[in-house]
C-alpha atoms as a PDB file:
ATOM      1  CA  UNK A   1     -12.548   3.955   1.035  1.00  0.00           C
ATOM      2  CA  UNK A   2     -10.305   6.767  -0.140  1.00  0.00           C
ATOM      3  CA  UNK A   3      -6.738   7.299   1.025  1.00  0.00           C
ATOM      4  CA  UNK A   4      -7.769  10.095   3.392  1.00  0.00           C
ATOM      5  CA  UNK A   5     -10.065   7.732   5.283  1.00  0.00           C
ATOM      6  CA  UNK A   6      -7.367   5.066   5.282  1.00  0.00           C
ATOM      7  CA  UNK A   7      -4.799   7.526   6.662  1.00  0.00           C
ATOM      8  CA  UNK A   8      -7.041   8.295   9.627  1.00  0.00           C
ATOM      9  CA  UNK A   9      -8.012   4.671  10.181  1.00  0.00           C
ATOM     10  CA  UNK A  10      -4.408   3.436  10.303  1.00  0.00           C
ATOM     11  CA  UNK A  11      -2.921   6.625  11.775  1.00  0.00           C
ATOM     12  CA  UNK A  12      -0.628   6.843   8.748  1.00  0.00           C
ATOM     13  CA  UNK A  13       2.049   9.298   7.849  1.00  0.00           C
ATOM     14  CA  UNK A  14       1.839  10.362   4.216  1.00  0.00           C
ATOM     15  CA  UNK A  15       5.218   9.632   2.671  1.00  0.00           C
ATOM     16  CA  UNK A  16       4.052  10.686  -0.783  1.00  0.00           C
ATOM     17  CA  UNK A  17       0.580  11.068  -2.213  1.00  0.00           C
ATOM     18  CA  UNK A  18       0.585  14.453  -3.993  1.00  0.00           C
ATOM     19  CA  UNK A  19      -3.057  15.295  -4.668  1.00  0.00           C
ATOM     20  CA  UNK A  20      -4.199  11.661  -4.778  1.00  0.00           C
ATOM     21  CA  UNK A  21      -5.525  11.412  -1.209  1.00  0.00           C
ATOM     22  CA  UNK A  22      -9.128  12.087  -2.164  1.00  0.00           C
ATOM     23  CA  UNK A  23      -8.892  10.618  -5.678  1.00  0.00           C
ATOM     24  CA  UNK A  24      -7.593   7.119  -4.949  1.00  0.00           C
ATOM     25  CA  UNK A  25     -10.237   4.670  -3.752  1.00  0.00           C
ATOM     26  CA  UNK A  26      -9.495   1.146  -2.565  1.00  0.00           C
ATOM     27  CA  UNK A  27     -11.845  -1.751  -1.955  1.00  0.00           C
ATOM     28  CA  UNK A  28      -9.288  -4.486  -1.315  1.00  0.00           C
ATOM     29  CA  UNK A  29      -5.810  -5.012   0.076  1.00  0.00           C
ATOM     30  CA  UNK A  30      -3.022  -7.545  -0.294  1.00  0.00           C
ATOM     31  CA  UNK A  31      -0.322  -8.084   2.339  1.00  0.00           C
ATOM     32  CA  UNK A  32       3.092  -9.566   1.573  1.00  0.00           C
ATOM     33  CA  UNK A  33       6.809  -9.013   1.946  1.00  0.00           C
ATOM     34  CA  UNK A  34       7.673 -11.302  -0.961  1.00  0.00           C
ATOM     35  CA  UNK A  35       7.203  -9.280  -4.122  1.00  0.00           C
ATOM     36  CA  UNK A  36       7.015 -12.503  -6.133  1.00  0.00           C
ATOM     37  CA  UNK A  37       3.806 -13.250  -4.173  1.00  0.00           C
ATOM     38  CA  UNK A  38       2.499  -9.777  -4.990  1.00  0.00           C
ATOM     39  CA  UNK A  39       3.099 -10.358  -8.699  1.00  0.00           C
ATOM     40  CA  UNK A  40       1.636 -13.856  -8.668  1.00  0.00           C
ATOM     41  CA  UNK A  41      -1.368 -13.477  -6.377  1.00  0.00           C
ATOM     42  CA  UNK A  42      -2.537  -9.863  -5.973  1.00  0.00           C
ATOM     43  CA  UNK A  43      -5.526  -8.486  -7.839  1.00  0.00           C
ATOM     44  CA  UNK A  44      -5.257  -5.230  -9.793  1.00  0.00           C
ATOM     45  CA  UNK A  45      -6.573  -2.254  -7.855  1.00  0.00           C
ATOM     46  CA  UNK A  46      -5.658  -3.604  -4.413  1.00  0.00           C
ATOM     47  CA  UNK A  47      -3.675  -1.694  -1.807  1.00  0.00           C
ATOM     48  CA  UNK A  48      -0.305  -3.278  -0.948  1.00  0.00           C
ATOM     49  CA  UNK A  49       0.527  -3.741   2.739  1.00  0.00           C
ATOM     50  CA  UNK A  50       4.214  -4.541   3.211  1.00  0.00           C
ATOM     51  CA  UNK A  51       7.297  -4.117   5.328  1.00  0.00           C
ATOM     52  CA  UNK A  52       9.592  -4.069   2.278  1.00  0.00           C
ATOM     53  CA  UNK A  53      10.429  -0.408   1.710  1.00  0.00           C
ATOM     54  CA  UNK A  54      12.662  -0.917  -1.328  1.00  0.00           C
ATOM     55  CA  UNK A  55      12.431  -0.208  -5.060  1.00  0.00           C
ATOM     56  CA  UNK A  56      11.103  -3.746  -5.505  1.00  0.00           C
ATOM     57  CA  UNK A  57       7.888  -2.743  -3.728  1.00  0.00           C
ATOM     58  CA  UNK A  58       7.353   0.102  -6.218  1.00  0.00           C
ATOM     59  CA  UNK A  59       8.131  -2.072  -9.240  1.00  0.00           C
ATOM     60  CA  UNK A  60       5.807  -4.828  -8.013  1.00  0.00           C
ATOM     61  CA  UNK A  61       2.974  -2.383  -7.257  1.00  0.00           C
ATOM     62  CA  UNK A  62       3.381  -0.822 -10.690  1.00  0.00           C
ATOM     63  CA  UNK A  63       3.438  -4.119 -12.608  1.00  0.00           C
ATOM     64  CA  UNK A  64       0.547  -5.562 -10.556  1.00  0.00           C
ATOM     65  CA  UNK A  65      -1.478  -2.346 -11.078  1.00  0.00           C
ATOM     66  CA  UNK A  66      -1.944  -1.705  -7.351  1.00  0.00           C
ATOM     67  CA  UNK A  67      -3.402   1.569  -6.028  1.00  0.00           C
ATOM     68  CA  UNK A  68      -0.784   2.377  -3.388  1.00  0.00           C
ATOM     69  CA  UNK A  69       1.474   1.053  -0.664  1.00  0.00           C
ATOM     70  CA  UNK A  70       1.217   1.127   3.125  1.00  0.00           C
ATOM     71  CA  UNK A  71       4.540   0.411   4.822  1.00  0.00           C
ATOM     72  CA  UNK A  72       4.122  -1.201   8.240  1.00  0.00           C
ATOM     73  CA  UNK A  73       6.196  -0.894  11.435  1.00  0.00           C
ATOM     74  CA  UNK A  74       7.041   2.778  10.734  1.00  0.00           C
ATOM     75  CA  UNK A  75       9.212   1.830   7.777  1.00  0.00           C
ATOM     76  CA  UNK A  76      10.083   4.581   5.319  1.00  0.00           C
ATOM     77  CA  UNK A  77      11.566   4.254   1.874  1.00  0.00           C
ATOM     78  CA  UNK A  78      14.878   5.747   0.793  1.00  0.00           C
ATOM     79  CA  UNK A  79      14.887   8.801  -1.476  1.00  0.00           C
ATOM     80  CA  UNK A  80      15.411   6.750  -4.668  1.00  0.00           C
ATOM     81  CA  UNK A  81      12.345   4.666  -3.797  1.00  0.00           C
ATOM     82  CA  UNK A  82      10.332   7.798  -3.116  1.00  0.00           C
ATOM     83  CA  UNK A  83      11.388   9.303  -6.448  1.00  0.00           C
ATOM     84  CA  UNK A  84      10.364   6.152  -8.334  1.00  0.00           C
ATOM     85  CA  UNK A  85       6.950   6.201  -6.594  1.00  0.00           C
ATOM     86  CA  UNK A  86       6.483   9.825  -7.675  1.00  0.00           C
ATOM     87  CA  UNK A  87       7.316   9.000 -11.293  1.00  0.00           C
ATOM     88  CA  UNK A  88       4.941   6.019 -11.287  1.00  0.00           C
ATOM     89  CA  UNK A  89       2.170   7.854  -9.403  1.00  0.00           C
ATOM     90  CA  UNK A  90       2.022   5.328  -6.565  1.00  0.00           C
ATOM     91  CA  UNK A  91       0.961   6.828  -3.215  1.00  0.00           C
ATOM     92  CA  UNK A  92       3.068   5.791  -0.220  1.00  0.00           C
ATOM     93  CA  UNK A  93       1.922   5.731   3.401  1.00  0.00           C
ATOM     94  CA  UNK A  94       3.598   4.549   6.585  1.00  0.00           C
ATOM     95  CA  UNK A  95       1.998   3.324   9.809  1.00  0.00           C
ATOM     96  CA  UNK A  96       3.446   2.257  13.140  1.00  0.00           C
ATOM     97  CA  UNK A  97       1.110  -0.761  13.146  1.00  0.00           C
ATOM     98  CA  UNK A  98       2.337  -4.207  12.210  1.00  0.00           C
ATOM     99  CA  UNK A  99       1.101  -6.117   9.182  1.00  0.00           C
ATOM    100  CA  UNK A 100      -1.303  -8.331  11.125  1.00  0.00           C
ATOM    101  CA  UNK A 101      -2.908  -5.359  12.879  1.00  0.00           C
ATOM    102  CA  UNK A 102      -3.244  -3.378   9.631  1.00  0.00           C
ATOM    103  CA  UNK A 103      -4.941  -6.316   7.910  1.00  0.00           C
ATOM    104  CA  UNK A 104      -7.321  -6.795  10.836  1.00  0.00           C
ATOM    105  CA  UNK A 105      -8.271  -3.105  10.935  1.00  0.00           C
ATOM    106  CA  UNK A 106      -8.830  -2.950   7.177  1.00  0.00           C
ATOM    107  CA  UNK A 107     -10.904  -6.131   7.174  1.00  0.00           C
ATOM    108  CA  UNK A 108     -13.046  -4.754   9.991  1.00  0.00           C
ATOM    109  CA  UNK A 109     -13.469  -1.529   7.976  1.00  0.00           C
ATOM    110  CA  UNK A 110     -14.854  -3.534   5.059  1.00  0.00           C
ATOM    111  CA  UNK A 111     -11.913  -3.962   2.712  1.00  0.00           C
ATOM    112  CA  UNK A 112     -11.855  -7.271   0.889  1.00  0.00           C
ATOM    113  CA  UNK A 113      -8.877  -9.573   0.325  1.00  0.00           C
ATOM    114  CA  UNK A 114      -7.060  -8.519  -2.830  1.00  0.00           C
ATOM    115  CA  UNK A 115      -5.816 -11.984  -3.735  1.00  0.00           C
ATOM    116  CA  UNK A 116      -6.601 -14.013  -6.801  1.00  0.00           C
ATOM    117  CA  UNK A 117      -8.676 -17.144  -6.083  1.00  0.00           C
END
C-alpha cells in the first residue's frame, strides 16, 4: 500500500510528505508510544503509528529505519519536529482516529504486524 492509499483509508492529513506519497510503500505497521519499544521491537520498513508527536518519534523512526509516521488523535508535531522529519525524509501524517482504530483498519486492509518475533 502506498501512502496515498493509506491517506484515504485513514482519512489522514498530510503533515509532511513532499513527493513521497506515491513512492513510499508499506506492508507492515508498528504501534507504540514508547520509543524504546519502537527501537527494540519494530522491524525495518514498517510504518509507525503513535501519539507521541515529539522529536523522539522522528529519531526513533530514523534509527529503526521506518517508512513514515502516522500520528493518532489529530496530534500534530511542532515546527522543530517537522523540520527534522524533512531533513531525514520521514513522511508525517495525522489522523483523527485513535491508535486501536488505526491498527484495526490497517490490519483489515492487509498490513502485517511490523514487530520482531
